C-alpha atoms as a PDB file:
ATOM      1  CA  MET A   1      -0.018  -0.095   0.046  1.00  0.00           C
ATOM      2  CA  LYS A   2       2.678   2.401   0.707  1.00  0.00           C
ATOM      3  CA  ALA A   3       4.803   1.427  -2.622  1.00  0.00           C
ATOM      4  CA  LEU A   4       0.830   2.181  -4.845  1.00  0.00           C
ATOM      5  CA  GLY A   5       0.750   5.581  -2.299  1.00  0.00           C
ATOM      6  CA  LYS A   6       4.174   6.933  -3.523  1.00  0.00           C
ATOM      7  CA  LEU A   7       3.325   5.983  -6.909  1.00  0.00           C
ATOM      8  CA  ARG A   8       0.382   8.141  -6.716  1.00  0.00           C
ATOM      9  CA  LEU A   9       2.318  10.906  -5.510  1.00  0.00           C
ATOM     10  CA  VAL A  10       4.758  10.469  -8.194  1.00  0.00           C
ATOM     11  CA  LEU A  11       2.444  10.500 -10.985  1.00  0.00           C
ATOM     12  CA  ALA A  12       0.574  13.492  -9.413  1.00  0.00           C
ATOM     13  CA  VAL A  13       3.871  15.645  -9.029  1.00  0.00           C
ATOM     14  CA  LEU A  14       4.900  14.577 -12.536  1.00  0.00           C
ATOM     15  CA  GLY A  15       1.201  15.724 -13.808  1.00  0.00           C
ATOM     16  CA  ILE A  16       1.731  19.236 -12.000  1.00  0.00           C
ATOM     17  CA  ILE A  17       5.072  19.651 -13.685  1.00  0.00           C
ATOM     18  CA  TYR A  18       3.341  18.872 -17.224  1.00  0.00           C
ATOM     19  CA  ILE A  19       0.575  21.325 -16.515  1.00  0.00           C
ATOM     20  CA  LEU A  20       2.689  23.873 -15.421  1.00  0.00           C
ATOM     21  CA  ILE A  21       5.593  23.550 -17.903  1.00  0.00           C
ATOM     22  CA  PRO A  22       3.895  26.340 -20.302  1.00  0.00           C
ATOM     23  CA  LEU A  23       3.936  28.522 -17.817  1.00  0.00           C
ATOM     24  CA  ILE A  24       7.671  28.040 -16.690  1.00  0.00           C
ATOM     25  CA  ALA A  25       8.385  28.881 -20.498  1.00  0.00           C
ATOM     26  CA  VAL A  26       6.224  31.917 -21.085  1.00  0.00           C
ATOM     27  CA  VAL A  27       6.384  33.849 -17.611  1.00  0.00           C
ATOM     28  CA  PRO A  28      10.334  33.943 -18.005  1.00  0.00           C
ATOM     29  CA  ALA A  29      10.100  34.759 -22.174  1.00  0.00           C
ATOM     30  CA  SER A  30       8.058  37.845 -21.179  1.00  0.00           C
ATOM     31  CA  PHE A  31      10.975  39.484 -19.296  1.00  0.00           C
ATOM     32  CA  THR A  32      13.437  38.942 -22.286  1.00  0.00           C
ATOM     33  CA  SER A  33      15.057  42.135 -23.256  1.00  0.00           C
ATOM     34  CA  ALA A  34      15.435  40.255 -26.684  1.00  0.00           C
ATOM     35  CA  ASN A  35      13.654  41.622 -29.644  1.00  0.00           C
ATOM     36  CA  TYR A  36      12.247  37.998 -30.323  1.00  0.00           C
ATOM     37  CA  PRO A  37      10.994  35.260 -28.298  1.00  0.00           C
ATOM     38  CA  SER A  38      13.835  33.435 -26.100  1.00  0.00           C
ATOM     39  CA  PHE A  39      13.805  30.725 -23.425  1.00  0.00           C
ATOM     40  CA  PRO A  40      16.072  31.498 -21.072  1.00  0.00           C
ATOM     41  CA  PRO A  41      15.437  35.196 -21.631  1.00  0.00           C
ATOM     42  CA  LYS A  42      18.273  37.066 -22.931  1.00  0.00           C
ATOM     43  CA  GLY A  43      18.590  39.761 -20.154  1.00  0.00           C
ATOM     44  CA  PHE A  44      15.778  41.230 -18.198  1.00  0.00           C
ATOM     45  CA  SER A  45      13.262  44.311 -19.214  1.00  0.00           C
ATOM     46  CA  LEU A  46       9.740  44.882 -19.007  1.00  0.00           C
ATOM     47  CA  GLN A  47       9.309  46.829 -22.029  1.00  0.00           C
ATOM     48  CA  TRP A  48       6.753  43.761 -23.600  1.00  0.00           C
ATOM     49  CA  TYR A  49       4.816  44.997 -20.328  1.00  0.00           C
ATOM     50  CA  THR A  50       5.250  48.726 -21.513  1.00  0.00           C
ATOM     51  CA  LYS A  51       4.350  48.011 -24.875  1.00  0.00           C
ATOM     52  CA  ILE A  52       1.145  46.539 -24.498  1.00  0.00           C
ATOM     53  CA  LEU A  53      -0.537  49.372 -23.788  1.00  0.00           C
ATOM     54  CA  GLU A  54       0.877  51.234 -27.451  1.00  0.00           C
ATOM     55  CA  ARG A  55      -0.874  48.049 -28.932  1.00  0.00           C
ATOM     56  CA  GLN A  56      -4.610  49.513 -29.477  1.00  0.00           C
ATOM     57  CA  GLU A  57      -6.036  46.424 -30.001  1.00  0.00           C
ATOM     58  CA  PHE A  58      -4.962  44.659 -27.089  1.00  0.00           C
ATOM     59  CA  VAL A  59      -6.329  47.210 -24.981  1.00  0.00           C
ATOM     60  CA  GLU A  60      -9.940  46.806 -26.393  1.00  0.00           C
ATOM     61  CA  ALA A  61      -9.422  43.298 -26.265  1.00  0.00           C
ATOM     62  CA  PHE A  62      -8.712  43.305 -22.921  1.00  0.00           C
ATOM     63  CA  PHE A  63     -11.846  45.580 -21.673  1.00  0.00           C
ATOM     64  CA  ASN A  64     -13.832  43.848 -24.187  1.00  0.00           C
ATOM     65  CA  SER A  65     -13.166  40.671 -22.164  1.00  0.00           C
ATOM     66  CA  LEU A  66     -13.515  42.320 -19.060  1.00  0.00           C
ATOM     67  CA  GLN A  67     -16.756  43.338 -19.907  1.00  0.00           C
ATOM     68  CA  PHE A  68     -18.372  39.960 -20.822  1.00  0.00           C
ATOM     69  CA  ALA A  69     -16.684  38.472 -17.935  1.00  0.00           C
ATOM     70  CA  CYS A  70     -18.234  40.865 -15.670  1.00  0.00           C
ATOM     71  CA  LEU A  71     -21.593  40.258 -17.072  1.00  0.00           C
ATOM     72  CA  ALA A  72     -21.563  36.442 -17.650  1.00  0.00           C
ATOM     73  CA  ALA A  73     -20.521  36.240 -14.254  1.00  0.00           C
ATOM     74  CA  PHE A  74     -23.059  38.857 -13.128  1.00  0.00           C
ATOM     75  CA  PHE A  75     -25.957  36.225 -15.064  1.00  0.00           C
ATOM     76  CA  ALA A  76     -24.368  32.816 -14.032  1.00  0.00           C
ATOM     77  CA  VAL A  77     -24.428  33.613 -10.259  1.00  0.00           C
ATOM     78  CA  LEU A  78     -28.155  34.868 -10.628  1.00  0.00           C
ATOM     79  CA  PHE A  79     -29.373  32.244 -12.554  1.00  0.00           C
ATOM     80  CA  GLY A  80     -26.618  29.793 -10.951  1.00  0.00           C
ATOM     81  CA  THR A  81     -28.025  30.424  -7.434  1.00  0.00           C
ATOM     82  CA  LEU A  82     -31.719  30.098  -8.285  1.00  0.00           C
ATOM     83  CA  GLY A  83     -31.014  26.708  -9.919  1.00  0.00           C
ATOM     84  CA  ALA A  84     -29.204  25.353  -6.955  1.00  0.00           C
ATOM     85  CA  LEU A  85     -31.842  26.695  -4.720  1.00  0.00           C
ATOM     86  CA  ALA A  86     -34.515  24.538  -6.574  1.00  0.00           C
ATOM     87  CA  ILE A  87     -32.381  21.369  -6.589  1.00  0.00           C
ATOM     88  CA  ALA A  88     -31.780  21.516  -2.922  1.00  0.00           C
ATOM     89  CA  LYS A  89     -34.818  22.451  -1.387  1.00  0.00           C
ATOM     90  CA  TYR A  90     -37.506  21.029  -3.555  1.00  0.00           C
ATOM     91  CA  ASP A  91     -38.011  17.473  -4.437  1.00  0.00           C
ATOM     92  CA  ILE A  92     -38.078  17.777  -8.307  1.00  0.00           C
ATOM     93  CA  PRO A  93     -39.172  14.520 -10.496  1.00  0.00           C
ATOM     94  CA  GLY A  94     -35.827  13.796 -11.987  1.00  0.00           C
ATOM     95  CA  LYS A  95     -33.889  15.766  -9.638  1.00  0.00           C
ATOM     96  CA  HIS A  96     -30.673  13.517 -10.426  1.00  0.00           C
ATOM     97  CA  TYR A  97     -31.196  14.270 -14.435  1.00  0.00           C
ATOM     98  CA  VAL A  98     -31.759  17.913 -13.878  1.00  0.00           C
ATOM     99  CA  THR A  99     -28.450  18.600 -12.405  1.00  0.00           C
ATOM    100  CA  SER A 100     -26.645  16.568 -14.825  1.00  0.00           C
ATOM    101  CA  ILE A 101     -28.188  18.936 -17.675  1.00  0.00           C
ATOM    102  CA  LEU A 102     -27.299  22.192 -15.895  1.00  0.00           C
ATOM    103  CA  THR A 103     -23.783  21.156 -15.353  1.00  0.00           C
ATOM    104  CA  ALA A 104     -22.944  19.439 -18.441  1.00  0.00           C
ATOM    105  CA  PRO A 105     -21.172  22.000 -20.215  1.00  0.00           C
ATOM    106  CA  LEU A 106     -18.401  20.851 -17.537  1.00  0.00           C
ATOM    107  CA  SER A 107     -17.907  17.582 -18.905  1.00  0.00           C
ATOM    108  CA  VAL A 108     -19.018  18.491 -22.589  1.00  0.00           C
ATOM    109  CA  PRO A 109     -16.002  19.655 -24.847  1.00  0.00           C
ATOM    110  CA  GLN A 110     -15.927  22.870 -25.277  1.00  0.00           C
ATOM    111  CA  LEU A 111     -15.070  22.797 -29.427  1.00  0.00           C
ATOM    112  CA  VAL A 112     -18.445  20.764 -29.418  1.00  0.00           C
ATOM    113  CA  LEU A 113     -20.270  23.055 -27.030  1.00  0.00           C
ATOM    114  CA  GLY A 114     -19.017  25.615 -29.105  1.00  0.00           C
ATOM    115  CA  ILE A 115     -20.327  23.879 -32.595  1.00  0.00           C
ATOM    116  CA  ALA A 116     -23.489  23.205 -30.993  1.00  0.00           C
ATOM    117  CA  LEU A 117     -24.029  26.922 -30.044  1.00  0.00           C
ATOM    118  CA  LEU A 118     -23.171  28.340 -33.437  1.00  0.00           C
ATOM    119  CA  ILE A 119     -25.744  25.716 -35.150  1.00  0.00           C
ATOM    120  CA  TYR A 120     -28.368  26.711 -32.432  1.00  0.00           C
ATOM    121  CA  PHE A 121     -27.764  30.619 -32.762  1.00  0.00           C
ATOM    122  CA  THR A 122     -27.507  30.869 -36.443  1.00  0.00           C
ATOM    123  CA  PRO A 123     -31.059  30.476 -37.380  1.00  0.00           C
ATOM    124  CA  MET A 124     -31.806  32.808 -34.421  1.00  0.00           C
ATOM    125  CA  MET A 125     -29.283  35.764 -35.446  1.00  0.00           C
ATOM    126  CA  LEU A 126     -27.498  35.768 -32.358  1.00  0.00           C
ATOM    127  CA  ALA A 127     -23.997  34.177 -33.754  1.00  0.00           C
ATOM    128  CA  GLY A 128     -21.861  36.469 -33.954  1.00  0.00           C
ATOM    129  CA  THR A 129     -23.388  39.212 -31.928  1.00  0.00           C
ATOM    130  CA  SER A 130     -22.941  40.807 -28.653  1.00  0.00           C
ATOM    131  CA  THR A 131     -25.871  39.282 -27.262  1.00  0.00           C
ATOM    132  CA  GLY A 132     -25.237  35.618 -28.323  1.00  0.00           C
ATOM    133  CA  PHE A 133     -21.411  36.247 -26.857  1.00  0.00           C
ATOM    134  CA  LEU A 134     -22.739  37.022 -23.631  1.00  0.00           C
ATOM    135  CA  ILE A 135     -25.718  33.991 -23.936  1.00  0.00           C
ATOM    136  CA  ALA A 136     -22.460  31.349 -24.349  1.00  0.00           C
ATOM    137  CA  HIS A 137     -20.535  32.649 -21.434  1.00  0.00           C
ATOM    138  CA  THR A 138     -23.053  32.446 -19.257  1.00  0.00           C
ATOM    139  CA  ILE A 139     -23.697  28.975 -20.275  1.00  0.00           C
ATOM    140  CA  ILE A 140     -20.327  27.501 -19.548  1.00  0.00           C
ATOM    141  CA  CYS A 141     -20.296  29.610 -16.436  1.00  0.00           C
ATOM    142  CA  ILE A 142     -23.351  28.564 -15.151  1.00  0.00           C
ATOM    143  CA  PRO A 143     -22.011  24.887 -13.886  1.00  0.00           C
ATOM    144  CA  TYR A 144     -19.446  26.294 -11.586  1.00  0.00           C
ATOM    145  CA  VAL A 145     -21.953  28.267  -9.602  1.00  0.00           C
ATOM    146  CA  ILE A 146     -24.669  25.771  -9.531  1.00  0.00           C
ATOM    147  CA  ARG A 147     -21.297  23.172  -8.056  1.00  0.00           C
ATOM    148  CA  LEU A 148     -20.410  25.740  -5.705  1.00  0.00           C
ATOM    149  CA  VAL A 149     -23.875  26.776  -4.113  1.00  0.00           C
ATOM    150  CA  LEU A 150     -25.104  23.115  -4.245  1.00  0.00           C
ATOM    151  CA  THR A 151     -22.026  22.606  -1.868  1.00  0.00           C
ATOM    152  CA  GLY A 152     -22.693  25.447   0.531  1.00  0.00           C
ATOM    153  CA  LEU A 153     -26.297  24.406   0.633  1.00  0.00           C
ATOM    154  CA  SER A 154     -25.227  20.662   1.483  1.00  0.00           C
ATOM    155  CA  GLY A 155     -24.450  21.113   5.160  1.00  0.00           C
ATOM    156  CA  PHE A 156     -27.197  24.308   5.015  1.00  0.00           C
ATOM    157  CA  ASP A 157     -29.665  23.770   8.363  1.00  0.00           C
ATOM    158  CA  TYR A 158     -33.341  24.622   6.984  1.00  0.00           C
ATOM    159  CA  ASN A 159     -34.964  24.830  10.238  1.00  0.00           C
ATOM    160  CA  LEU A 160     -33.073  28.231  10.382  1.00  0.00           C
ATOM    161  CA  GLU A 161     -35.468  29.572   7.701  1.00  0.00           C
ATOM    162  CA  LYS A 162     -38.514  27.312   9.320  1.00  0.00           C
ATOM    163  CA  ALA A 163     -37.244  29.379  12.519  1.00  0.00           C
ATOM    164  CA  ALA A 164     -37.360  32.970  10.579  1.00  0.00           C
ATOM    165  CA  ALA A 165     -40.508  31.764   8.926  1.00  0.00           C
ATOM    166  CA  ILE A 166     -42.589  31.029  12.465  1.00  0.00           C
ATOM    167  CA  LEU A 167     -41.332  34.422  13.884  1.00  0.00           C
ATOM    168  CA  GLY A 168     -43.152  35.934  11.286  1.00  0.00           C
ATOM    169  CA  ALA A 169     -40.963  37.233   8.757  1.00  0.00           C
ATOM    170  CA  ASN A 170     -41.933  36.763   4.972  1.00  0.00           C
ATOM    171  CA  PRO A 171     -40.138  34.574   2.292  1.00  0.00           C
ATOM    172  CA  PHE A 172     -38.321  37.152   0.738  1.00  0.00           C
ATOM    173  CA  ILE A 173     -37.030  38.406   4.538  1.00  0.00           C
ATOM    174  CA  VAL A 174     -36.090  34.618   5.161  1.00  0.00           C
ATOM    175  CA  PHE A 175     -34.310  34.632   1.843  1.00  0.00           C
ATOM    176  CA  TRP A 176     -32.452  38.126   2.648  1.00  0.00           C
ATOM    177  CA  LYS A 177     -31.772  37.520   6.264  1.00  0.00           C
ATOM    178  CA  VAL A 178     -31.208  34.092   6.449  1.00  0.00           C
ATOM    179  CA  THR A 179     -30.426  32.078   3.316  1.00  0.00           C
ATOM    180  CA  LEU A 180     -28.219  34.857   1.345  1.00  0.00           C
ATOM    181  CA  PRO A 181     -25.687  35.163   4.224  1.00  0.00           C
ATOM    182  CA  LEU A 182     -24.797  31.650   4.740  1.00  0.00           C
ATOM    183  CA  ILE A 183     -24.839  31.174   1.174  1.00  0.00           C
ATOM    184  CA  ARG A 184     -22.892  34.335  -0.046  1.00  0.00           C
ATOM    185  CA  PRO A 185     -19.510  32.928  -0.051  1.00  0.00           C
ATOM    186  CA  ALA A 186     -20.449  29.996  -2.364  1.00  0.00           C
ATOM    187  CA  MET A 187     -22.244  32.589  -4.394  1.00  0.00           C
ATOM    188  CA  ILE A 188     -19.015  35.171  -4.396  1.00  0.00           C
ATOM    189  CA  SER A 189     -16.811  31.967  -5.187  1.00  0.00           C
ATOM    190  CA  GLY A 190     -19.031  30.587  -7.850  1.00  0.00           C
ATOM    191  CA  GLY A 191     -18.963  34.425  -9.784  1.00  0.00           C
ATOM    192  CA  LEU A 192     -15.301  34.168  -9.498  1.00  0.00           C
ATOM    193  CA  PHE A 193     -14.981  31.521 -11.391  1.00  0.00           C
ATOM    194  CA  ALA A 194     -17.619  32.297 -13.855  1.00  0.00           C
ATOM    195  CA  PHE A 195     -15.290  35.443 -14.401  1.00  0.00           C
ATOM    196  CA  LEU A 196     -12.318  33.452 -14.649  1.00  0.00           C
ATOM    197  CA  THR A 197     -13.987  31.043 -17.001  1.00  0.00           C
ATOM    198  CA  SER A 198     -15.150  33.791 -19.167  1.00  0.00           C
ATOM    199  CA  PHE A 199     -12.287  35.743 -19.145  1.00  0.00           C
ATOM    200  CA  ASP A 200      -9.902  33.118 -20.428  1.00  0.00           C
ATOM    201  CA  ASN A 201     -12.026  31.165 -22.695  1.00  0.00           C
ATOM    202  CA  VAL A 202     -11.040  30.676 -26.212  1.00  0.00           C
ATOM    203  CA  THR A 203     -12.611  27.675 -27.730  1.00  0.00           C
ATOM    204  CA  VAL A 204     -15.938  28.808 -27.379  1.00  0.00           C
ATOM    205  CA  SER A 205     -15.434  32.301 -28.283  1.00  0.00           C
ATOM    206  CA  LEU A 206     -14.144  31.801 -31.797  1.00  0.00           C
ATOM    207  CA  PHE A 207     -17.252  30.408 -32.470  1.00  0.00           C
ATOM    208  CA  MET A 208     -18.978  33.493 -31.210  1.00  0.00           C
ATOM    209  CA  ILE A 209     -17.079  36.311 -32.328  1.00  0.00           C
ATOM    210  CA  SER A 210     -17.185  38.524 -35.277  1.00  0.00           C
ATOM    211  CA  PRO A 211     -14.567  40.808 -36.808  1.00  0.00           C
ATOM    212  CA  ASN A 212     -15.691  43.921 -34.881  1.00  0.00           C
ATOM    213  CA  MET A 213     -15.916  42.008 -31.305  1.00  0.00           C
ATOM    214  CA  ARG A 214     -12.371  40.831 -29.860  1.00  0.00           C
ATOM    215  CA  THR A 215     -11.305  39.043 -26.709  1.00  0.00           C
ATOM    216  CA  LEU A 216      -7.986  39.400 -25.312  1.00  0.00           C
ATOM    217  CA  PRO A 217      -7.655  35.239 -25.462  1.00  0.00           C
ATOM    218  CA  ILE A 218      -8.628  35.763 -29.400  1.00  0.00           C
ATOM    219  CA  GLU A 219      -6.389  38.466 -29.799  1.00  0.00           C
ATOM    220  CA  ILE A 220      -3.680  36.470 -28.681  1.00  0.00           C
ATOM    221  CA  PHE A 221      -4.659  33.643 -30.505  1.00  0.00           C
ATOM    222  CA  SER A 222      -4.600  35.944 -33.880  1.00  0.00           C
ATOM    223  CA  THR A 223      -1.486  37.288 -33.313  1.00  0.00           C
ATOM    224  CA  MET A 224       0.327  34.281 -32.443  1.00  0.00           C
ATOM    225  CA  GLN A 225      -1.362  33.205 -36.202  1.00  0.00           C
ATOM    226  CA  ASP A 226       0.752  35.539 -37.755  1.00  0.00           C
ATOM    227  CA  ALA A 227       3.722  36.023 -36.287  1.00  0.00           C
ATOM    228  CA  TYR A 228       5.168  35.057 -32.295  1.00  0.00           C
ATOM    229  CA  ASN A 229       6.851  37.867 -30.799  1.00  0.00           C
ATOM    230  CA  PRO A 230       7.564  38.496 -27.166  1.00  0.00           C
ATOM    231  CA  ILE A 231       4.368  40.799 -26.367  1.00  0.00           C
ATOM    232  CA  VAL A 232       2.441  37.716 -26.724  1.00  0.00           C
ATOM    233  CA  ALA A 233       3.943  36.462 -23.820  1.00  0.00           C
ATOM    234  CA  SER A 234       3.706  39.213 -21.958  1.00  0.00           C
ATOM    235  CA  VAL A 235      -0.065  39.858 -22.881  1.00  0.00           C
ATOM    236  CA  SER A 236      -0.263  35.841 -22.123  1.00  0.00           C
ATOM    237  CA  SER A 237       1.351  36.035 -18.731  1.00  0.00           C
ATOM    238  CA  VAL A 238      -0.702  39.311 -17.346  1.00  0.00           C
ATOM    239  CA  VAL A 239      -3.768  36.455 -17.745  1.00  0.00           C
ATOM    240  CA  ILE A 240      -1.992  34.390 -16.123  1.00  0.00           C
ATOM    241  CA  PHE A 241      -1.223  36.856 -13.303  1.00  0.00           C
ATOM    242  CA  ILE A 242      -4.938  38.012 -13.240  1.00  0.00           C
ATOM    243  CA  SER A 243      -5.873  33.921 -13.272  1.00  0.00           C
ATOM    244  CA  VAL A 244      -3.338  33.459 -10.417  1.00  0.00           C
ATOM    245  CA  ILE A 245      -4.684  35.928  -8.295  1.00  0.00           C
ATOM    246  CA  LEU A 246      -8.499  34.797  -8.330  1.00  0.00           C
ATOM    247  CA  ILE A 247      -7.575  31.365  -8.087  1.00  0.00           C
ATOM    248  CA  VAL A 248      -5.789  32.097  -4.380  1.00  0.00           C
ATOM    249  CA  VAL A 249      -8.780  34.448  -3.859  1.00  0.00           C
ATOM    250  CA  LEU A 250     -11.379  31.524  -4.532  1.00  0.00           C
ATOM    251  CA  GLU A 251      -9.163  29.142  -2.844  1.00  0.00           C
ATOM    252  CA  LYS A 252      -9.114  31.314   0.703  1.00  0.00           C
ATOM    253  CA  ILE A 253     -12.598  31.769   0.337  1.00  0.00           C
ATOM    254  CA  HIS A 254     -14.450  28.359  -0.640  1.00  0.00           C
ATOM    255  CA  GLY A 255     -11.789  26.204  -1.737  1.00  0.00           C
ATOM    256  CA  VAL A 256     -11.030  25.083  -5.556  1.00  0.00           C
ATOM    257  CA  GLY A 257     -11.497  21.758  -5.025  1.00  0.00           C
ATOM    258  CA  LYS A 258     -15.041  21.860  -3.797  1.00  0.00           C
ATOM    259  CA  VAL A 259     -16.050  23.176  -7.556  1.00  0.00           C
ATOM    260  CA  PHE A 260     -15.104  19.638  -8.998  1.00  0.00           C
ATOM    261  CA  GLY A 261     -16.463  17.841  -5.739  1.00  0.00           C
ATOM    262  CA  GLY A 262     -19.731  15.877  -6.017  1.00  0.00           C
ATOM    263  CA  THR A 263     -22.504  17.267  -3.634  1.00  0.00           C
ATOM    264  CA  GLN A 264     -24.612  14.937  -1.746  1.00  0.00           C
ATOM    265  CA  HIS A 265     -28.749  15.327  -1.520  1.00  0.00           C
END
């Protein structure tokens, strides 16, 4: 058993190293003083970070990503929380299947999901529009909110709601004063993860964008197709830094592992 445990540990470490290899290469390369990508970097310079502000396409793409990520996170928290409350509190027929459907975007490959959304949105004239883009991002963000809020509700004591109702509180006051404060950390965590999912998304975004609507990951992808230079590494590093900060905050609030953990009902 000890040998099996050590083998699992070694495999886990190797897996983590394999995942981190791109970061180990990209981040140092963004500090190179050369005019071409190099690893290890040639010298040390912040010039490629300052040049980001000189590239208007990256600045506009960043604010587009920020706007869509904030909106997608807001709607994901709104609908995801309502869905999680309905699943947790009410005896819905086929509850297990409903939960599976609502969280399906977590298991469906993003490429398949992007194609399906494009086929579905095209007859509705939503493909290539801001509305269609926002709906697509909200769809891929909602499952994370549902997972986290369901986790937060798994240990919820519903007697607190009953006690508040017996004391005369109406359903809105019960929710606002009792339920919401207890599930707020899960909602905030879900919102952060939804923001991160939307902000970093490439695959689904590729099927939803138009020539006049670009996000930062798409702009990075397009630039790399033309020519790879150190500014791509610097922009990618900015995205990595933002992602790491949000994941650390999420871990402090709720725990990243709970996003993918099962819930019992």
